[in-house]
C-alpha atoms as a PDB file:
ATOM      1  CA  MET A   1       8.669-105.838  18.090  1.00  0.00           C
ATOM      2  CA  CYS A   2       8.339-102.082  18.188  1.00  0.00           C
ATOM      3  CA  SER A   3       5.778-100.166  20.199  1.00  0.00           C
ATOM      4  CA  ALA A   4       3.595 -98.084  17.895  1.00  0.00           C
ATOM      5  CA  ARG A   5       2.759 -95.751  20.774  1.00  0.00           C
ATOM      6  CA  TYR A   6       6.345 -94.590  21.280  1.00  0.00           C
ATOM      7  CA  ASP A   7       7.975 -95.837  18.076  1.00  0.00           C
ATOM      8  CA  ILE A   8      10.636 -97.682  20.047  1.00  0.00           C
ATOM      9  CA  CYS A   9      11.885-101.229  19.784  1.00  0.00           C
ATOM     10  CA  ILE A  10      11.777-103.562  22.736  1.00  0.00           C
ATOM     11  CA  LEU A  11      13.436-106.881  23.433  1.00  0.00           C
ATOM     12  CA  SER A  12      13.141-109.598  20.817  1.00  0.00           C
ATOM     13  CA  VAL A  13      11.507-112.939  21.618  1.00  0.00           C
ATOM     14  CA  GLU A  14      14.919-114.572  21.279  1.00  0.00           C
ATOM     15  CA  ARG A  15      16.496-112.205  23.832  1.00  0.00           C
ATOM     16  CA  VAL A  16      13.643-112.693  26.303  1.00  0.00           C
ATOM     17  CA  LYS A  17      14.022-116.475  25.922  1.00  0.00           C
ATOM     18  CA  GLU A  18      17.700-116.112  26.848  1.00  0.00           C
ATOM     19  CA  LEU A  19      16.843-113.989  29.883  1.00  0.00           C
ATOM     20  CA  ILE A  20      14.007-116.209  31.142  1.00  0.00           C
ATOM     21  CA  ASN A  21      15.861-119.442  30.366  1.00  0.00           C
ATOM     22  CA  ASP A  22      12.745-121.646  30.415  1.00  0.00           C
ATOM     23  CA  PRO A  23      12.619-123.899  27.323  1.00  0.00           C
ATOM     24  CA  LYS A  24       9.051-125.007  28.129  1.00  0.00           C
ATOM     25  CA  LEU A  25       7.612-121.581  27.249  1.00  0.00           C
ATOM     26  CA  SER A  26       6.232-121.048  23.745  1.00  0.00           C
ATOM     27  CA  ASP A  27       7.020-117.991  21.638  1.00  0.00           C
ATOM     28  CA  LYS A  28       3.473-116.773  22.304  1.00  0.00           C
ATOM     29  CA  GLN A  29       3.996-117.043  26.084  1.00  0.00           C
ATOM     30  CA  ILE A  30       7.341-115.269  25.781  1.00  0.00           C
ATOM     31  CA  GLU A  31       5.680-112.448  23.826  1.00  0.00           C
ATOM     32  CA  GLU A  32       2.958-112.126  26.473  1.00  0.00           C
ATOM     33  CA  ILE A  33       5.551-111.980  29.256  1.00  0.00           C
ATOM     34  CA  ARG A  34       7.632-109.419  27.357  1.00  0.00           C
ATOM     35  CA  ASP A  35       4.606-107.269  26.540  1.00  0.00           C
ATOM     36  CA  GLY A  36       3.378-107.436  30.142  1.00  0.00           C
ATOM     37  CA  LEU A  37       6.767-106.361  31.457  1.00  0.00           C
ATOM     38  CA  PHE A  38       6.863-103.513  28.945  1.00  0.00           C
ATOM     39  CA  MET A  39       3.437-102.305  30.089  1.00  0.00           C
ATOM     40  CA  LEU A  40       4.535-102.526  33.736  1.00  0.00           C
ATOM     41  CA  ALA A  41       7.680-100.528  32.983  1.00  0.00           C
ATOM     42  CA  GLU A  42       5.587 -97.948  31.151  1.00  0.00           C
ATOM     43  CA  VAL A  43       3.249 -97.523  34.138  1.00  0.00           C
ATOM     44  CA  MET A  44       6.193 -97.270  36.533  1.00  0.00           C
ATOM     45  CA  PHE A  45       7.866 -94.638  34.348  1.00  0.00           C
ATOM     46  CA  GLU A  46       4.679 -92.591  34.059  1.00  0.00           C
ATOM     47  CA  GLN A  47       4.226 -92.724  37.844  1.00  0.00           C
ATOM     48  CA  TRP A  48       7.826 -91.631  38.363  1.00  0.00           C
ATOM     49  CA  GLN A  49       7.309 -88.731  35.942  1.00  0.00           C
ATOM     50  CA  ALA A  50       4.113 -87.666  37.723  1.00  0.00           C
ATOM     51  CA  GLU A  51       5.882 -87.734  41.090  1.00  0.00           C
ATOM     52  CA  ARG A  52       8.756 -85.618  39.743  1.00  0.00           C
ATOM     53  CA  ILE A  53       6.332 -83.061  38.296  1.00  0.00           C
ATOM     54  CA  LYS A  54       4.407 -82.932  41.587  1.00  0.00           C
ATOM     55  CA  ALA A  55       7.591 -82.535  43.643  1.00  0.00           C
ATOM     56  CA  LYS A  56       8.835 -79.769  41.348  1.00  0.00           C
ATOM     57  CA  LYS A  57       5.528 -77.914  41.608  1.00  0.00           C
ATOM     58  CA  GLU A  58       5.496 -78.273  45.414  1.00  0.00           C
ATOM     59  CA  LYS A  59       9.059 -76.924  45.593  1.00  0.00           C
ATOM     60  CA  GLU A  60       8.166 -73.978  43.360  1.00  0.00           C
ATOM     61  CA  ASP A  61       5.057 -73.261  45.456  1.00  0.00           C
ATOM     62  CA  LYS A  62       7.133 -73.415  48.644  1.00  0.00           C
ATOM     63  CA  ASP A  63       9.809 -71.160  47.159  1.00  0.00           C
ATOM     64  CA  ASN A  64       7.173 -68.666  46.017  1.00  0.00           C
ATOM     65  CA  LYS A  65       5.529 -68.706  49.444  1.00  0.00           C
ATOM     66  CA  ASN A  66       8.880 -68.136  51.174  1.00  0.00           C
ATOM     67  CA  GLU A  67       9.683 -65.297  48.778  1.00  0.00           C
ATOM     68  CA  HIS A  68       6.421 -63.529  49.636  1.00  0.00           C
ATOM     69  CA  GLU A  69       6.954 -63.970  53.381  1.00  0.00           C
ATOM     70  CA  LYS A  70      10.298 -62.131  53.477  1.00  0.00           C
ATOM     71  CA  PRO A  71      10.127 -58.803  55.273  1.00  0.00           C
ATOM     72  CA  THR A  72      10.190 -55.718  53.062  1.00  0.00           C
ATOM     73  CA  GLY A  73      13.681 -54.739  52.018  1.00  0.00           C
ATOM     74  CA  GLN A  74      15.011 -58.301  52.028  1.00  0.00           C
ATOM     75  CA  GLN A  75      13.565 -59.405  48.697  1.00  0.00           C
ATOM     76  CA  GLN A  76      16.064 -59.855  45.910  1.00  0.00           C
END
């Protein structure tokens, strides 16, 4: 299956079956598990990205503040 949102392919049902190793699960259940894990990974990645952007902005703000606080004649 490929995600239309990102045009990327994710794990096949067969591969997920190998990883889960539970023969009692149907293909439909395997697909639901796989899709749920993909959505969870997507949310985690988006959160990580947001945190990186926030940290970068905070660092830039701090650097700009420190640059403006230098006494005259010490700015580069």
